[in-house]
PDB file of all heavy atoms in Angstrom:
ATOM      1  N   MET A   1      10.205  -5.660   7.785  1.00  0.00           N
ATOM      2  CA  MET A   1      10.986  -4.462   7.503  1.00  0.00           C
ATOM      3  C   MET A   1      12.331  -4.577   8.205  1.00  0.00           C
ATOM      4  O   MET A   1      12.394  -4.618   9.435  1.00  0.00           O
ATOM      5  CB  MET A   1      10.233  -3.223   7.989  1.00  0.00           C
ATOM      6  CG  MET A   1       8.817  -3.117   7.435  1.00  0.00           C
ATOM      7  SD  MET A   1       7.993  -1.577   7.873  1.00  0.00           S
ATOM      8  CE  MET A   1       7.893  -1.757   9.654  1.00  0.00           C
ATOM      9  N   ASN A   2      13.375  -4.633   7.407  1.00  0.00           N
ATOM     10  CA  ASN A   2      14.736  -4.741   7.937  1.00  0.00           C
ATOM     11  C   ASN A   2      15.529  -3.497   7.603  1.00  0.00           C
ATOM     12  O   ASN A   2      15.163  -2.728   6.717  1.00  0.00           O
ATOM     13  CB  ASN A   2      15.424  -5.972   7.350  1.00  0.00           C
ATOM     14  CG  ASN A   2      14.729  -7.270   7.719  1.00  0.00           C
ATOM     15  OD1 ASN A   2      14.135  -7.391   8.789  1.00  0.00           O
ATOM     16  ND2 ASN A   2      14.801  -8.240   6.829  1.00  0.00           N
ATOM     17  N   ARG A   3      16.634  -3.329   8.303  1.00  0.00           N
ATOM     18  CA  ARG A   3      17.528  -2.181   8.073  1.00  0.00           C
ATOM     19  C   ARG A   3      16.738  -0.878   8.018  1.00  0.00           C
ATOM     20  O   ARG A   3      16.896  -0.069   7.111  1.00  0.00           O
ATOM     21  CB  ARG A   3      18.347  -2.392   6.821  1.00  0.00           C
ATOM     22  CG  ARG A   3      19.165  -3.676   6.840  1.00  0.00           C
ATOM     23  CD  ARG A   3      20.312  -3.714   5.852  1.00  0.00           C
ATOM     24  NE  ARG A   3      19.985  -3.224   4.538  1.00  0.00           N
ATOM     25  CZ  ARG A   3      19.518  -3.979   3.552  1.00  0.00           C
ATOM     26  NH1 ARG A   3      19.275  -5.247   3.762  1.00  0.00           N
ATOM     27  NH2 ARG A   3      19.273  -3.464   2.370  1.00  0.00           N
ATOM     28  N   LEU A   4      15.899  -0.697   8.995  1.00  0.00           N
ATOM     29  CA  LEU A   4      15.060   0.492   9.035  1.00  0.00           C
ATOM     30  C   LEU A   4      15.908   1.741   9.233  1.00  0.00           C
ATOM     31  O   LEU A   4      16.937   1.711   9.914  1.00  0.00           O
ATOM     32  CB  LEU A   4      14.028   0.374  10.147  1.00  0.00           C
ATOM     33  CG  LEU A   4      12.866  -0.591   9.857  1.00  0.00           C
ATOM     34  CD1 LEU A   4      12.181  -1.029  11.136  1.00  0.00           C
ATOM     35  CD2 LEU A   4      11.870   0.070   8.924  1.00  0.00           C
ATOM     36  N   ASN A   5      15.463   2.829   8.640  1.00  0.00           N
ATOM     37  CA  ASN A   5      16.105   4.115   8.846  1.00  0.00           C
ATOM     38  C   ASN A   5      15.052   5.150   9.191  1.00  0.00           C
ATOM     39  O   ASN A   5      13.845   4.882   9.116  1.00  0.00           O
ATOM     40  CB  ASN A   5      16.927   4.518   7.615  1.00  0.00           C
ATOM     41  CG  ASN A   5      16.098   4.602   6.357  1.00  0.00           C
ATOM     42  OD1 ASN A   5      15.138   5.372   6.292  1.00  0.00           O
ATOM     43  ND2 ASN A   5      16.439   3.816   5.343  1.00  0.00           N
ATOM     44  N   THR A   6      15.500   6.329   9.575  1.00  0.00           N
ATOM     45  CA  THR A   6      14.569   7.343  10.072  1.00  0.00           C
ATOM     46  C   THR A   6      13.552   7.759   9.018  1.00  0.00           C
ATOM     47  O   THR A   6      12.444   8.189   9.350  1.00  0.00           O
ATOM     48  CB  THR A   6      15.327   8.572  10.571  1.00  0.00           C
ATOM     49  OG1 THR A   6      16.161   9.068   9.532  1.00  0.00           O
ATOM     50  CG2 THR A   6      16.200   8.225  11.785  1.00  0.00           C
ATOM     51  N   GLU A   7      13.905   7.609   7.758  1.00  0.00           N
ATOM     52  CA  GLU A   7      12.968   7.982   6.693  1.00  0.00           C
ATOM     53  C   GLU A   7      11.818   6.986   6.558  1.00  0.00           C
ATOM     54  O   GLU A   7      10.868   7.248   5.828  1.00  0.00           O
ATOM     55  CB  GLU A   7      13.709   8.115   5.368  1.00  0.00           C
ATOM     56  CG  GLU A   7      14.694   9.273   5.356  1.00  0.00           C
ATOM     57  CD  GLU A   7      15.385   9.442   4.014  1.00  0.00           C
ATOM     58  OE1 GLU A   7      15.268   8.532   3.164  1.00  0.00           O
ATOM     59  OE2 GLU A   7      16.045  10.474   3.816  1.00  0.00           O
ATOM     60  N   ASP A   8      11.912   5.874   7.232  1.00  0.00           N
ATOM     61  CA  ASP A   8      10.819   4.896   7.225  1.00  0.00           C
ATOM     62  C   ASP A   8       9.759   5.225   8.267  1.00  0.00           C
ATOM     63  O   ASP A   8       8.721   4.540   8.320  1.00  0.00           O
ATOM     64  CB  ASP A   8      11.360   3.491   7.483  1.00  0.00           C
ATOM     65  CG  ASP A   8      12.288   3.012   6.379  1.00  0.00           C
ATOM     66  OD1 ASP A   8      11.967   3.226   5.199  1.00  0.00           O
ATOM     67  OD2 ASP A   8      13.330   2.419   6.728  1.00  0.00           O
ATOM     68  N   THR A   9      10.015   6.223   9.092  1.00  0.00           N
ATOM     69  CA  THR A   9       9.034   6.612  10.096  1.00  0.00           C
ATOM     70  C   THR A   9       7.758   7.103   9.422  1.00  0.00           C
ATOM     71  O   THR A   9       7.787   7.998   8.583  1.00  0.00           O
ATOM     72  CB  THR A   9       9.599   7.729  10.992  1.00  0.00           C
ATOM     73  OG1 THR A   9      10.698   7.207  11.745  1.00  0.00           O
ATOM     74  CG2 THR A   9       8.530   8.250  11.946  1.00  0.00           C
ATOM     75  N   ALA A  10       6.632   6.483   9.786  1.00  0.00           N
ATOM     76  CA  ALA A  10       5.354   6.820   9.157  1.00  0.00           C
ATOM     77  C   ALA A  10       4.255   5.986   9.806  1.00  0.00           C
ATOM     78  O   ALA A  10       4.539   5.056  10.568  1.00  0.00           O
ATOM     79  CB  ALA A  10       5.390   6.526   7.660  1.00  0.00           C
ATOM     80  N   VAL A  11       3.026   6.320   9.461  1.00  0.00           N
ATOM     81  CA  VAL A  11       1.909   5.419   9.750  1.00  0.00           C
ATOM     82  C   VAL A  11       1.766   4.495   8.547  1.00  0.00           C
ATOM     83  O   VAL A  11       1.684   4.966   7.412  1.00  0.00           O
ATOM     84  CB  VAL A  11       0.596   6.193   9.986  1.00  0.00           C
ATOM     85  CG1 VAL A  11      -0.561   5.209  10.208  1.00  0.00           C
ATOM     86  CG2 VAL A  11       0.746   7.125  11.181  1.00  0.00           C
ATOM     87  N   TYR A  12       1.751   3.212   8.813  1.00  0.00           N
ATOM     88  CA  TYR A  12       1.671   2.216   7.755  1.00  0.00           C
ATOM     89  C   TYR A  12       0.256   1.667   7.686  1.00  0.00           C
ATOM     90  O   TYR A  12      -0.342   1.304   8.709  1.00  0.00           O
ATOM     91  CB  TYR A  12       2.665   1.084   8.011  1.00  0.00           C
ATOM     92  CG  TYR A  12       4.081   1.477   7.678  1.00  0.00           C
ATOM     93  CD1 TYR A  12       4.772   2.393   8.472  1.00  0.00           C
ATOM     94  CD2 TYR A  12       4.725   0.954   6.569  1.00  0.00           C
ATOM     95  CE1 TYR A  12       6.065   2.769   8.164  1.00  0.00           C
ATOM     96  CE2 TYR A  12       6.021   1.313   6.253  1.00  0.00           C
ATOM     97  CZ  TYR A  12       6.688   2.224   7.043  1.00  0.00           C
ATOM     98  OH  TYR A  12       7.969   2.601   6.732  1.00  0.00           O
ATOM     99  N   TYR A  13      -0.254   1.601   6.458  1.00  0.00           N
ATOM    100  CA  TYR A  13      -1.609   1.132   6.215  1.00  0.00           C
ATOM    101  C   TYR A  13      -1.578  -0.073   5.281  1.00  0.00           C
ATOM    102  O   TYR A  13      -0.807  -0.100   4.327  1.00  0.00           O
ATOM    103  CB  TYR A  13      -2.446   2.214   5.549  1.00  0.00           C
ATOM    104  CG  TYR A  13      -2.611   3.484   6.345  1.00  0.00           C
ATOM    105  CD1 TYR A  13      -1.719   4.534   6.206  1.00  0.00           C
ATOM    106  CD2 TYR A  13      -3.679   3.627   7.215  1.00  0.00           C
ATOM    107  CE1 TYR A  13      -1.867   5.712   6.935  1.00  0.00           C
ATOM    108  CE2 TYR A  13      -3.854   4.797   7.944  1.00  0.00           C
ATOM    109  CZ  TYR A  13      -2.945   5.830   7.800  1.00  0.00           C
ATOM    110  OH  TYR A  13      -3.109   6.984   8.518  1.00  0.00           O
ATOM    111  N   CYS A  14      -2.443  -1.025   5.539  1.00  0.00           N
ATOM    112  CA  CYS A  14      -2.663  -2.053   4.531  1.00  0.00           C
ATOM    113  C   CYS A  14      -3.963  -1.746   3.812  1.00  0.00           C
ATOM    114  O   CYS A  14      -4.856  -1.074   4.359  1.00  0.00           O
ATOM    115  CB  CYS A  14      -2.675  -3.455   5.133  1.00  0.00           C
ATOM    116  SG  CYS A  14      -4.101  -3.864   6.144  1.00  0.00           S
ATOM    117  N   ALA A  15      -4.051  -2.226   2.589  1.00  0.00           N
ATOM    118  CA  ALA A  15      -5.203  -1.946   1.748  1.00  0.00           C
ATOM    119  C   ALA A  15      -5.533  -3.180   0.924  1.00  0.00           C
ATOM    120  O   ALA A  15      -4.655  -4.002   0.655  1.00  0.00           O
ATOM    121  CB  ALA A  15      -4.918  -0.757   0.828  1.00  0.00           C
ATOM    122  N   ALA A  16      -6.780  -3.285   0.515  1.00  0.00           N
ATOM    123  CA  ALA A  16      -7.222  -4.470  -0.224  1.00  0.00           C
ATOM    124  C   ALA A  16      -8.105  -4.087  -1.394  1.00  0.00           C
ATOM    125  O   ALA A  16      -8.888  -3.125  -1.314  1.00  0.00           O
ATOM    126  CB  ALA A  16      -7.978  -5.415   0.707  1.00  0.00           C
ATOM    127  N   HIS A  17      -7.960  -4.854  -2.460  1.00  0.00           N
ATOM    128  CA  HIS A  17      -8.851  -4.742  -3.606  1.00  0.00           C
ATOM    129  C   HIS A  17      -9.374  -6.139  -3.908  1.00  0.00           C
ATOM    130  O   HIS A  17      -8.572  -7.028  -4.239  1.00  0.00           O
ATOM    131  CB  HIS A  17      -8.114  -4.175  -4.808  1.00  0.00           C
ATOM    132  CG  HIS A  17      -8.921  -4.236  -6.062  1.00  0.00           C
ATOM    133  ND1 HIS A  17      -9.972  -3.371  -6.321  1.00  0.00           N
ATOM    134  CD2 HIS A  17      -8.855  -5.069  -7.137  1.00  0.00           C
ATOM    135  CE1 HIS A  17     -10.504  -3.660  -7.485  1.00  0.00           C
ATOM    136  NE2 HIS A  17      -9.852  -4.692  -8.007  1.00  0.00           N
ATOM    137  N   PRO A  18     -10.673  -6.365  -3.833  1.00  0.00           N
ATOM    138  CA  PRO A  18     -11.232  -7.698  -4.129  1.00  0.00           C
ATOM    139  C   PRO A  18     -11.161  -7.951  -5.620  1.00  0.00           C
ATOM    140  O   PRO A  18     -12.051  -7.580  -6.374  1.00  0.00           O
ATOM    141  CB  PRO A  18     -12.683  -7.591  -3.644  1.00  0.00           C
ATOM    142  CG  PRO A  18     -12.741  -6.388  -2.795  1.00  0.00           C
ATOM    143  CD  PRO A  18     -11.690  -5.453  -3.338  1.00  0.00           C
ATOM    144  N   GLY A  19     -10.093  -8.568  -6.050  1.00  0.00           N
ATOM    145  CA  GLY A  19      -9.864  -8.797  -7.464  1.00  0.00           C
ATOM    146  C   GLY A  19      -8.401  -8.546  -7.765  1.00  0.00           C
ATOM    147  O   GLY A  19      -7.582  -8.424  -6.860  1.00  0.00           O
ATOM    148  N   GLN A  20      -8.107  -8.473  -9.052  1.00  0.00           N
ATOM    149  CA  GLN A  20      -6.723  -8.254  -9.470  1.00  0.00           C
ATOM    150  C   GLN A  20      -6.556  -6.858 -10.043  1.00  0.00           C
ATOM    151  O   GLN A  20      -7.355  -6.413 -10.867  1.00  0.00           O
ATOM    152  CB  GLN A  20      -6.330  -9.316 -10.490  1.00  0.00           C
ATOM    153  CG  GLN A  20      -6.241 -10.707  -9.878  1.00  0.00           C
ATOM    154  CD  GLN A  20      -5.594 -11.687 -10.828  1.00  0.00           C
ATOM    155  OE1 GLN A  20      -5.876 -11.691 -12.018  1.00  0.00           O
ATOM    156  NE2 GLN A  20      -4.705 -12.514 -10.302  1.00  0.00           N
ATOM    157  N   LEU A  21      -5.498  -6.220  -9.630  1.00  0.00           N
ATOM    158  CA  LEU A  21      -5.193  -4.886 -10.107  1.00  0.00           C
ATOM    159  C   LEU A  21      -4.204  -4.945 -11.257  1.00  0.00           C
ATOM    160  O   LEU A  21      -3.289  -5.762 -11.269  1.00  0.00           O
ATOM    161  CB  LEU A  21      -4.597  -4.053  -8.971  1.00  0.00           C
ATOM    162  CG  LEU A  21      -5.533  -3.704  -7.828  1.00  0.00           C
ATOM    163  CD1 LEU A  21      -4.752  -3.121  -6.670  1.00  0.00           C
ATOM    164  CD2 LEU A  21      -6.608  -2.738  -8.280  1.00  0.00           C
ATOM    165  N   GLY A  22      -4.392  -4.046 -12.202  1.00  0.00           N
ATOM    166  CA  GLY A  22      -3.447  -3.968 -13.295  1.00  0.00           C
ATOM    167  C   GLY A  22      -2.123  -3.377 -12.843  1.00  0.00           C
ATOM    168  O   GLY A  22      -2.037  -2.704 -11.807  1.00  0.00           O
ATOM    169  N   VAL A  23      -1.108  -3.632 -13.625  1.00  0.00           N
ATOM    170  CA  VAL A  23       0.232  -3.165 -13.276  1.00  0.00           C
ATOM    171  C   VAL A  23       0.276  -1.651 -13.145  1.00  0.00           C
ATOM    172  O   VAL A  23       0.998  -1.099 -12.309  1.00  0.00           O
ATOM    173  CB  VAL A  23       1.245  -3.636 -14.346  1.00  0.00           C
ATOM    174  CG1 VAL A  23       2.598  -3.005 -14.123  1.00  0.00           C
ATOM    175  CG2 VAL A  23       1.341  -5.150 -14.338  1.00  0.00           C
ATOM    176  N   THR A  24      -0.506  -0.966 -13.935  1.00  0.00           N
ATOM    177  CA  THR A  24      -0.434   0.495 -13.944  1.00  0.00           C
ATOM    178  C   THR A  24      -1.083   1.143 -12.732  1.00  0.00           C
ATOM    179  O   THR A  24      -0.821   2.314 -12.454  1.00  0.00           O
ATOM    180  CB  THR A  24      -1.089   1.060 -15.210  1.00  0.00           C
ATOM    181  OG1 THR A  24      -2.446   0.604 -15.264  1.00  0.00           O
ATOM    182  CG2 THR A  24      -0.341   0.601 -16.453  1.00  0.00           C
ATOM    183  N   VAL A  25      -1.901   0.394 -11.995  1.00  0.00           N
ATOM    184  CA  VAL A  25      -2.628   1.020 -10.875  1.00  0.00           C
ATOM    185  C   VAL A  25      -2.295   0.414  -9.531  1.00  0.00           C
ATOM    186  O   VAL A  25      -2.724   0.947  -8.499  1.00  0.00           O
ATOM    187  CB  VAL A  25      -4.153   0.966 -11.095  1.00  0.00           C
ATOM    188  CG1 VAL A  25      -4.537   1.758 -12.332  1.00  0.00           C
ATOM    189  CG2 VAL A  25      -4.651  -0.471 -11.175  1.00  0.00           C
ATOM    190  N   ARG A  26      -1.580  -0.663  -9.476  1.00  0.00           N
ATOM    191  CA  ARG A  26      -1.385  -1.353  -8.203  1.00  0.00           C
ATOM    192  C   ARG A  26      -0.594  -0.520  -7.208  1.00  0.00           C
ATOM    193  O   ARG A  26      -0.581  -0.807  -6.030  1.00  0.00           O
ATOM    194  CB  ARG A  26      -0.695  -2.701  -8.410  1.00  0.00           C
ATOM    195  CG  ARG A  26       0.668  -2.620  -9.020  1.00  0.00           C
ATOM    196  CD  ARG A  26       1.344  -3.948  -9.174  1.00  0.00           C
ATOM    197  NE  ARG A  26       0.529  -4.956  -9.826  1.00  0.00           N
ATOM    198  CZ  ARG A  26       1.022  -6.019 -10.453  1.00  0.00           C
ATOM    199  NH1 ARG A  26       2.330  -6.202 -10.509  1.00  0.00           N
ATOM    200  NH2 ARG A  26       0.226  -6.905 -10.986  1.00  0.00           N
ATOM    201  N   ARG A  27       0.094   0.513  -7.657  1.00  0.00           N
ATOM    202  CA  ARG A  27       0.846   1.377  -6.753  1.00  0.00           C
ATOM    203  C   ARG A  27       0.052   2.618  -6.351  1.00  0.00           C
ATOM    204  O   ARG A  27       0.579   3.491  -5.646  1.00  0.00           O
ATOM    205  CB  ARG A  27       2.162   1.807  -7.387  1.00  0.00           C
ATOM    206  CG  ARG A  27       3.124   0.655  -7.629  1.00  0.00           C
ATOM    207  CD  ARG A  27       4.440   1.150  -8.172  1.00  0.00           C
ATOM    208  NE  ARG A  27       5.432   0.074  -8.224  1.00  0.00           N
ATOM    209  CZ  ARG A  27       6.733   0.264  -8.081  1.00  0.00           C
ATOM    210  NH1 ARG A  27       7.208   1.476  -7.882  1.00  0.00           N
ATOM    211  NH2 ARG A  27       7.562  -0.753  -8.149  1.00  0.00           N
ATOM    212  N   LEU A  28      -1.191   2.689  -6.805  1.00  0.00           N
ATOM    213  CA  LEU A  28      -1.998   3.882  -6.570  1.00  0.00           C
ATOM    214  C   LEU A  28      -3.053   3.600  -5.507  1.00  0.00           C
ATOM    215  O   LEU A  28      -3.832   2.653  -5.614  1.00  0.00           O
ATOM    216  CB  LEU A  28      -2.670   4.317  -7.865  1.00  0.00           C
ATOM    217  CG  LEU A  28      -1.711   4.598  -9.022  1.00  0.00           C
ATOM    218  CD1 LEU A  28      -2.477   4.925 -10.279  1.00  0.00           C
ATOM    219  CD2 LEU A  28      -0.750   5.714  -8.654  1.00  0.00           C
ATOM    220  N   GLY A  29      -3.107   4.447  -4.508  1.00  0.00           N
ATOM    221  CA  GLY A  29      -4.009   4.231  -3.403  1.00  0.00           C
ATOM    222  C   GLY A  29      -5.472   4.169  -3.800  1.00  0.00           C
ATOM    223  O   GLY A  29      -6.247   3.386  -3.241  1.00  0.00           O
ATOM    224  N   TYR A  30      -5.869   4.968  -4.774  1.00  0.00           N
ATOM    225  CA  TYR A  30      -7.282   5.013  -5.144  1.00  0.00           C
ATOM    226  C   TYR A  30      -7.773   3.704  -5.745  1.00  0.00           C
ATOM    227  O   TYR A  30      -8.978   3.474  -5.832  1.00  0.00           O
ATOM    228  CB  TYR A  30      -7.567   6.183  -6.096  1.00  0.00           C
ATOM    229  CG  TYR A  30      -7.049   6.022  -7.501  1.00  0.00           C
ATOM    230  CD1 TYR A  30      -7.678   5.167  -8.406  1.00  0.00           C
ATOM    231  CD2 TYR A  30      -5.939   6.731  -7.944  1.00  0.00           C
ATOM    232  CE1 TYR A  30      -7.214   5.019  -9.699  1.00  0.00           C
ATOM    233  CE2 TYR A  30      -5.463   6.593  -9.227  1.00  0.00           C
ATOM    234  CZ  TYR A  30      -6.099   5.733 -10.107  1.00  0.00           C
ATOM    235  OH  TYR A  30      -5.633   5.587 -11.380  1.00  0.00           O
ATOM    236  N   ALA A  31      -6.865   2.839  -6.150  1.00  0.00           N
ATOM    237  CA  ALA A  31      -7.263   1.565  -6.738  1.00  0.00           C
ATOM    238  C   ALA A  31      -7.754   0.570  -5.691  1.00  0.00           C
ATOM    239  O   ALA A  31      -8.361  -0.445  -6.032  1.00  0.00           O
ATOM    240  CB  ALA A  31      -6.101   0.956  -7.514  1.00  0.00           C
ATOM    241  N   TYR A  32      -7.503   0.839  -4.429  1.00  0.00           N
ATOM    242  CA  TYR A  32      -7.860  -0.073  -3.352  1.00  0.00           C
ATOM    243  C   TYR A  32      -9.183   0.339  -2.725  1.00  0.00           C
ATOM    244  O   TYR A  32      -9.468   1.524  -2.567  1.00  0.00           O
ATOM    245  CB  TYR A  32      -6.753  -0.112  -2.306  1.00  0.00           C
ATOM    246  CG  TYR A  32      -5.469  -0.706  -2.843  1.00  0.00           C
ATOM    247  CD1 TYR A  32      -4.600   0.072  -3.616  1.00  0.00           C
ATOM    248  CD2 TYR A  32      -5.147  -2.039  -2.615  1.00  0.00           C
ATOM    249  CE1 TYR A  32      -3.448  -0.479  -4.133  1.00  0.00           C
ATOM    250  CE2 TYR A  32      -3.982  -2.589  -3.121  1.00  0.00           C
ATOM    251  CZ  TYR A  32      -3.134  -1.800  -3.882  1.00  0.00           C
ATOM    252  OH  TYR A  32      -1.982  -2.337  -4.403  1.00  0.00           O
ATOM    253  N   ASP A  33      -9.964  -0.671  -2.352  1.00  0.00           N
ATOM    254  CA  ASP A  33     -11.308  -0.427  -1.850  1.00  0.00           C
ATOM    255  C   ASP A  33     -11.372  -0.348  -0.334  1.00  0.00           C
ATOM    256  O   ASP A  33     -12.228   0.353   0.216  1.00  0.00           O
ATOM    257  CB  ASP A  33     -12.236  -1.550  -2.313  1.00  0.00           C
ATOM    258  CG  ASP A  33     -12.256  -1.678  -3.817  1.00  0.00           C
ATOM    259  OD1 ASP A  33     -11.377  -2.371  -4.371  1.00  0.00           O
ATOM    260  OD2 ASP A  33     -13.158  -1.084  -4.441  1.00  0.00           O
ATOM    261  N   TYR A  34     -10.518  -1.080   0.330  1.00  0.00           N
ATOM    262  CA  TYR A  34     -10.589  -1.173   1.791  1.00  0.00           C
ATOM    263  C   TYR A  34      -9.237  -0.811   2.396  1.00  0.00           C
ATOM    264  O   TYR A  34      -8.185  -1.142   1.847  1.00  0.00           O
ATOM    265  CB  TYR A  34     -10.988  -2.587   2.223  1.00  0.00           C
ATOM    266  CG  TYR A  34     -12.201  -3.138   1.529  1.00  0.00           C
ATOM    267  CD1 TYR A  34     -12.139  -4.336   0.826  1.00  0.00           C
ATOM    268  CD2 TYR A  34     -13.425  -2.468   1.589  1.00  0.00           C
ATOM    269  CE1 TYR A  34     -13.260  -4.850   0.184  1.00  0.00           C
ATOM    270  CE2 TYR A  34     -14.545  -2.970   0.958  1.00  0.00           C
ATOM    271  CZ  TYR A  34     -14.455  -4.154   0.253  1.00  0.00           C
ATOM    272  OH  TYR A  34     -15.578  -4.653  -0.369  1.00  0.00           O
ATOM    273  N   TRP A  35      -9.313  -0.172   3.547  1.00  0.00           N
ATOM    274  CA  TRP A  35      -8.108   0.283   4.246  1.00  0.00           C
ATOM    275  C   TRP A  35      -8.196  -0.053   5.725  1.00  0.00           C
ATOM    276  O   TRP A  35      -9.275  -0.040   6.328  1.00  0.00           O
ATOM    277  CB  TRP A  35      -7.961   1.797   4.091  1.00  0.00           C
ATOM    278  CG  TRP A  35      -7.646   2.198   2.688  1.00  0.00           C
ATOM    279  CD1 TRP A  35      -8.532   2.381   1.659  1.00  0.00           C
ATOM    280  CD2 TRP A  35      -6.345   2.441   2.155  1.00  0.00           C
ATOM    281  NE1 TRP A  35      -7.862   2.717   0.513  1.00  0.00           N
ATOM    282  CE2 TRP A  35      -6.516   2.773   0.781  1.00  0.00           C
ATOM    283  CE3 TRP A  35      -5.066   2.415   2.682  1.00  0.00           C
ATOM    284  CZ2 TRP A  35      -5.445   3.071  -0.054  1.00  0.00           C
ATOM    285  CZ3 TRP A  35      -3.995   2.722   1.853  1.00  0.00           C
ATOM    286  CH2 TRP A  35      -4.199   3.044   0.503  1.00  0.00           C
ATOM    287  N   GLY A  36      -7.024  -0.330   6.294  1.00  0.00           N
ATOM    288  CA  GLY A  36      -6.947  -0.504   7.730  1.00  0.00           C
ATOM    289  C   GLY A  36      -6.816   0.842   8.428  1.00  0.00           C
ATOM    290  O   GLY A  36      -6.777   1.889   7.778  1.00  0.00           O
TER     291      GLY A  36
END
């Protein structure tokens, strides 16, 4: 993460889906099975 600004302040999570996600769902949290 470069050129950070105050709007980037947040808790950041990584998530995983065992397999491939379609283009329409890869931006949706519910599509992921595991979370940090």
